[in-house]
């Protein structure tokens, strides 16, 4: 299941979303997240859903990849939805048995929670699906460049964020390999109580941390061999330039965000 998680991966393509300026994509993603959490009504999510569907269609990312990113979280989503369904009280009562009760507020909260998280995961994942780590680093650095005036290490911060995103798939793949090797030696991760399962993960976490530190050291050595000195004297091979499609996309996003704000005020 771990290898099905595609968060942080980049899938090369030539779609409209792939060719967009990454600075605009980051801002649009932030507005998209704000739209989803704007209110506690279904109408508040409609604009975020519209944005997500438009971005998904224009990015040409296969649906199977989107499904792979959502599938590992289905169990957690279902458990959370059931808890909200039975333990949130308010409104009309649909079902009652002993201390368990399904109410109107519980149903609404459960549905909104599942839809919000699924749409949030799909929409935010499109940022890394359609943006390479290098361009993402440049975009974060350019957006945070005003902070350089107060001596904030913007370049180092952007580099750390991008490296962290880049190594998520690598560490997940490494975890899957370690767990497979431990199972071949007779280890079990699905038997026993919670404490026993937690103890069974120790043989996985120790080699995983060792592997992570080794990869970090190899990366640092490789960067030093290439004379990497941070921001000092660094030039950009590719310059970021905004095009008409970027301004059109950000305009549509702002309109959807404004509509979500208007709905929140009305309801």
Protein backbone atom coordinates (compact mmCIF):
# COMPACT_ATOMS: atom_id res chain seq x y z
CA UNK A 1 0.00 0.00 0.00
CA UNK A 2 2.88 2.38 0.74
CA UNK A 3 4.09 2.25 -2.84
CA UNK A 4 0.67 3.45 -4.00
CA UNK A 5 1.16 6.82 -2.28
CA UNK A 6 2.11 9.32 -4.98
CA UNK A 7 2.42 12.48 -2.86
CA UNK A 8 5.45 14.52 -3.86
CA UNK A 9 6.00 12.80 -7.20
CA UNK A 10 6.35 14.69 -10.47
CA UNK A 11 4.82 13.37 -13.69
CA UNK A 12 6.26 15.05 -16.81
CA UNK A 13 3.76 16.32 -19.34
CA UNK A 14 2.95 19.09 -21.80
CA UNK A 15 -0.46 20.15 -20.58
CA UNK A 16 -1.59 23.70 -19.91
CA UNK A 17 -1.09 23.21 -16.18
CA UNK A 18 2.44 21.82 -16.69
CA UNK A 19 3.42 24.92 -18.68
CA UNK A 20 2.02 27.40 -16.17
CA UNK A 21 4.27 29.60 -14.06
CA UNK A 22 4.85 27.70 -10.78
CA UNK A 23 4.45 30.92 -8.76
CA UNK A 24 0.88 31.24 -9.99
CA UNK A 25 0.23 27.56 -9.27
CA UNK A 26 1.37 27.94 -5.66
CA UNK A 27 -0.87 30.98 -5.12
CA UNK A 28 -3.79 29.22 -6.77
CA UNK A 29 -3.28 26.17 -4.56
CA UNK A 30 -3.35 28.34 -1.44
CA UNK A 31 -6.58 30.01 -2.61
CA UNK A 32 -8.01 26.58 -3.38
CA UNK A 33 -7.27 25.35 0.16
CA UNK A 34 -8.84 28.49 1.59
CA UNK A 35 -11.96 27.88 -0.52
CA UNK A 36 -12.39 24.39 0.89
CA UNK A 37 -12.22 25.58 4.50
CA UNK A 38 -14.21 28.74 3.93
CA UNK A 39 -17.43 27.45 5.46
CA UNK A 40 -19.29 24.47 6.92
CA UNK A 41 -21.91 24.27 4.17
CA UNK A 42 -21.96 22.14 1.02
CA UNK A 43 -22.28 25.28 -1.10
CA UNK A 44 -18.92 26.42 0.26
CA UNK A 45 -17.27 23.32 -1.24
CA UNK A 46 -18.80 23.65 -4.69
CA UNK A 47 -16.32 26.30 -5.82
CA UNK A 48 -13.38 24.25 -4.59
CA UNK A 49 -14.76 21.19 -6.41
CA UNK A 50 -15.17 23.19 -9.63
CA UNK A 51 -11.58 24.44 -9.34
CA UNK A 52 -10.28 20.90 -8.71
CA UNK A 53 -12.18 19.40 -11.67
CA UNK A 54 -10.99 22.14 -14.04
CA UNK A 55 -7.37 21.74 -12.92
CA UNK A 56 -7.59 17.95 -13.19
CA UNK A 57 -9.03 18.11 -16.71
CA UNK A 58 -6.44 20.62 -17.93
CA UNK A 59 -3.49 18.80 -16.33
CA UNK A 60 -4.24 15.52 -18.15
CA UNK A 61 -3.07 13.53 -15.14
CA UNK A 62 -4.46 9.95 -15.42
CA UNK A 63 -7.31 9.21 -13.05
CA UNK A 64 -5.56 6.02 -11.90
CA UNK A 65 -2.73 8.12 -10.42
CA UNK A 66 -5.24 10.26 -8.56
CA UNK A 67 -6.94 7.12 -7.27
CA UNK A 68 -3.57 5.77 -6.05
CA UNK A 69 -3.06 8.91 -3.96
CA UNK A 70 -6.53 8.67 -2.41
CA UNK A 71 -6.79 4.90 -1.88
CA UNK A 72 -4.40 4.61 1.09
CA UNK A 73 -6.49 7.11 3.06
CA UNK A 74 -9.90 5.54 2.45
CA UNK A 75 -9.84 3.46 5.64
CA UNK A 76 -8.92 6.49 7.78
CA UNK A 77 -11.60 8.57 6.05
CA UNK A 78 -14.26 5.93 6.63
CA UNK A 79 -13.37 5.55 10.31
CA UNK A 80 -13.46 9.31 10.84
CA UNK A 81 -16.77 9.57 8.96
CA UNK A 82 -18.35 6.86 11.12
CA UNK A 83 -17.20 8.60 14.30
CA UNK A 84 -18.65 11.91 13.08
CA UNK A 85 -21.84 10.15 12.04
CA UNK A 86 -22.56 8.58 15.42
CA UNK A 87 -21.07 11.04 17.89
CA UNK A 88 -22.03 14.47 16.53
CA UNK A 89 -25.37 15.53 17.93
CA UNK A 90 -27.74 18.15 16.56
CA UNK A 91 -30.71 18.53 14.28
CA UNK A 92 -33.22 15.86 13.28
CA UNK A 93 -32.62 12.34 14.68
CA UNK A 94 -32.62 9.64 11.98
CA UNK A 95 -31.55 6.64 14.07
CA UNK A 96 -31.04 5.91 17.77
CA UNK A 97 -29.90 2.79 19.57
CA UNK A 98 -28.56 2.91 23.13
CA UNK A 99 -25.87 5.64 23.12
CA UNK A 100 -25.49 5.58 19.33
CA UNK A 101 -27.41 8.20 17.43
CA UNK A 102 -27.40 9.43 13.83
CA UNK A 103 -28.51 13.03 13.48
CA UNK A 104 -28.80 15.56 10.72
CA UNK A 105 -25.67 17.44 11.85
CA UNK A 106 -23.71 14.19 12.07
CA UNK A 107 -24.59 13.18 8.51
CA UNK A 108 -23.74 16.64 7.17
CA UNK A 109 -20.44 16.80 9.04
CA UNK A 110 -19.39 13.31 7.92
CA UNK A 111 -20.16 14.02 4.25
CA UNK A 112 -18.48 17.41 4.28
CA UNK A 113 -15.39 16.03 6.00
CA UNK A 114 -14.88 13.19 3.51
CA UNK A 115 -15.52 15.37 0.46
CA UNK A 116 -13.30 18.18 1.76
CA UNK A 117 -10.32 15.93 2.49
CA UNK A 118 -10.57 14.00 -0.79
CA UNK A 119 -10.82 17.19 -2.86
CA UNK A 120 -8.03 18.79 -0.82
CA UNK A 121 -5.74 15.82 -1.44
CA UNK A 122 -6.47 15.70 -5.17
CA UNK A 123 -6.20 19.44 -5.76
CA UNK A 124 -3.04 20.01 -3.72
CA UNK A 125 -1.35 16.93 -5.23
CA UNK A 126 -1.70 18.47 -8.69
CA UNK A 127 0.91 21.05 -7.67
CA UNK A 128 3.66 18.45 -7.28
CA UNK A 129 2.30 16.27 -10.10
CA UNK A 130 2.73 19.08 -12.63
CA UNK A 131 5.74 20.98 -11.23
CA UNK A 132 9.31 19.71 -11.15
CA UNK A 133 11.24 20.06 -7.87
CA UNK A 134 13.68 22.58 -9.41
CA UNK A 135 11.00 24.94 -10.69
CA UNK A 136 9.08 24.54 -7.43
CA UNK A 137 12.16 25.64 -5.50
CA UNK A 138 12.60 28.69 -7.74
CA UNK A 139 8.93 29.60 -7.37
CA UNK A 140 8.96 29.36 -3.56
CA UNK A 141 12.14 31.43 -3.44
CA UNK A 142 10.70 34.12 -5.71
CA UNK A 143 7.45 34.33 -3.75
CA UNK A 144 9.29 34.64 -0.44
CA UNK A 145 11.99 36.99 -1.77
CA UNK A 146 10.57 40.05 0.11
CA UNK A 147 11.56 38.29 3.36
CA UNK A 148 15.22 38.63 2.39
CA UNK A 149 15.04 42.25 3.54
CA UNK A 150 14.68 41.02 7.12
CA UNK A 151 17.49 38.48 6.62
CA UNK A 152 15.32 35.38 6.34
CA UNK A 153 17.22 32.53 4.58
CA UNK A 154 14.64 32.18 1.83
CA UNK A 155 16.79 30.10 -0.49
CA UNK A 156 17.66 27.57 2.22
CA UNK A 157 14.01 27.37 3.28
CA UNK A 158 12.83 26.76 -0.29
CA UNK A 159 15.53 24.15 -0.85
CA UNK A 160 14.59 22.28 2.35
CA UNK A 161 10.90 22.22 1.43
CA UNK A 162 11.61 20.92 -2.06
CA UNK A 163 14.04 18.25 -0.88
CA UNK A 164 11.49 17.11 1.71
CA UNK A 165 8.80 16.77 -0.97
CA UNK A 166 11.22 15.03 -3.31
CA UNK A 167 12.22 12.39 -0.76
CA UNK A 168 8.70 11.45 0.35
CA UNK A 169 8.27 8.87 -2.48
CA UNK A 170 11.84 7.62 -1.94
CA UNK A 171 11.35 7.03 1.78
CA UNK A 172 7.97 5.38 1.19
CA UNK A 173 9.55 3.02 -1.32
CA UNK A 174 12.38 2.30 1.13
CA UNK A 175 9.84 1.58 3.90
CA UNK A 176 7.97 -0.84 1.65
CA UNK A 177 11.20 -2.71 0.82
CA UNK A 178 12.20 -2.95 4.49
CA UNK A 179 8.75 -4.24 5.52
CA UNK A 180 8.82 -6.82 2.72
CA UNK A 181 12.26 -7.99 3.85
CA UNK A 182 11.11 -8.23 7.48
CA UNK A 183 8.02 -10.22 6.45
CA UNK A 184 10.27 -12.63 4.55
CA UNK A 185 12.13 -13.18 7.86
CA UNK A 186 8.89 -14.01 9.63
CA UNK A 187 7.88 -10.60 11.00
CA UNK A 188 4.19 -9.75 11.30
CA UNK A 189 2.77 -6.21 11.33
CA UNK A 190 -0.95 -7.05 11.45
CA UNK A 191 -1.18 -9.40 14.45
CA UNK A 192 -1.47 -8.69 18.16
CA UNK A 193 -2.72 -5.65 20.04
CA UNK A 194 -1.74 -2.04 19.44
CA UNK A 195 1.38 -2.19 21.63
CA UNK A 196 2.62 -5.37 19.96
CA UNK A 197 2.12 -3.85 16.51
CA UNK A 198 4.01 -0.74 17.57
CA UNK A 199 6.91 -2.88 18.82
CA UNK A 200 6.90 -4.79 15.51
CA UNK A 201 7.62 -1.50 13.70
CA UNK A 202 10.92 -0.98 15.53
CA UNK A 203 12.85 -3.28 13.12
CA UNK A 204 11.45 -1.11 10.32
CA UNK A 205 12.11 2.32 11.80
CA UNK A 206 15.75 1.70 12.73
CA UNK A 207 16.98 0.76 9.23
CA UNK A 208 14.70 3.44 7.75
CA UNK A 209 16.38 6.17 9.83
CA UNK A 210 19.80 4.78 8.97
CA UNK A 211 18.91 4.82 5.28
CA UNK A 212 17.52 8.36 5.52
CA UNK A 213 20.69 9.68 7.18
CA UNK A 214 22.83 7.89 4.61
CA UNK A 215 20.86 9.41 1.75
CA UNK A 216 21.12 12.85 3.36
CA UNK A 217 24.90 12.48 3.63
CA UNK A 218 25.17 11.32 0.02
CA UNK A 219 23.06 14.26 -1.13
CA UNK A 220 25.19 16.73 0.85
CA UNK A 221 28.38 15.23 -0.64
CA UNK A 222 26.95 15.42 -4.16
CA UNK A 223 25.97 19.07 -3.67
CA UNK A 224 29.43 19.92 -2.35
CA UNK A 225 31.10 18.14 -5.32
CA UNK A 226 29.02 20.35 -7.62
CA UNK A 227 30.26 23.44 -5.77
CA UNK A 228 26.88 24.25 -4.28
CA UNK A 229 27.21 27.27 -1.99
CA UNK A 230 23.63 28.21 -1.43
CA UNK A 231 22.33 31.47 -2.82
CA UNK A 232 25.73 33.18 -3.03
CA UNK A 233 26.66 33.79 -6.67
CA UNK A 234 23.93 31.45 -7.87
CA UNK A 235 22.29 32.03 -11.25
CA UNK A 236 19.16 30.51 -12.76
CA UNK A 237 19.32 28.45 -15.92
CA UNK A 238 15.58 28.88 -16.43
CA UNK A 239 13.92 32.21 -15.74
CA UNK A 240 10.28 32.30 -14.65
CA UNK A 241 8.03 34.27 -16.99
CA UNK A 242 4.27 34.72 -16.66
CA UNK A 243 2.09 34.24 -19.73
CA UNK A 244 -1.50 35.01 -20.60
CA UNK A 245 -2.69 31.59 -19.44
CA UNK A 246 -1.27 32.31 -15.98
CA UNK A 247 -3.20 35.56 -15.60
CA UNK A 248 -6.37 33.91 -16.95
CA UNK A 249 -6.05 31.01 -14.50
CA UNK A 250 -5.41 33.25 -11.49
CA UNK A 251 -8.37 35.43 -12.49
CA UNK A 252 -10.70 32.42 -12.57
CA UNK A 253 -9.35 31.26 -9.22
CA UNK A 254 -9.87 34.66 -7.62
CA UNK A 255 -13.45 34.77 -8.95
CA UNK A 256 -14.18 31.34 -7.46
CA UNK A 257 -12.60 32.44 -4.17
CA UNK A 258 -14.69 35.61 -4.14
CA UNK A 259 -17.83 33.54 -4.80
CA UNK A 260 -16.93 31.26 -1.88
CA UNK A 261 -16.49 34.30 0.38
CA UNK A 262 -19.86 35.66 -0.77
CA UNK A 263 -21.56 32.34 -0.01
CA UNK A 264 -20.01 32.27 3.46
CA UNK A 265 -21.28 35.77 4.18
CA UNK A 266 -24.80 34.96 2.92
CA UNK A 267 -25.10 31.62 4.71
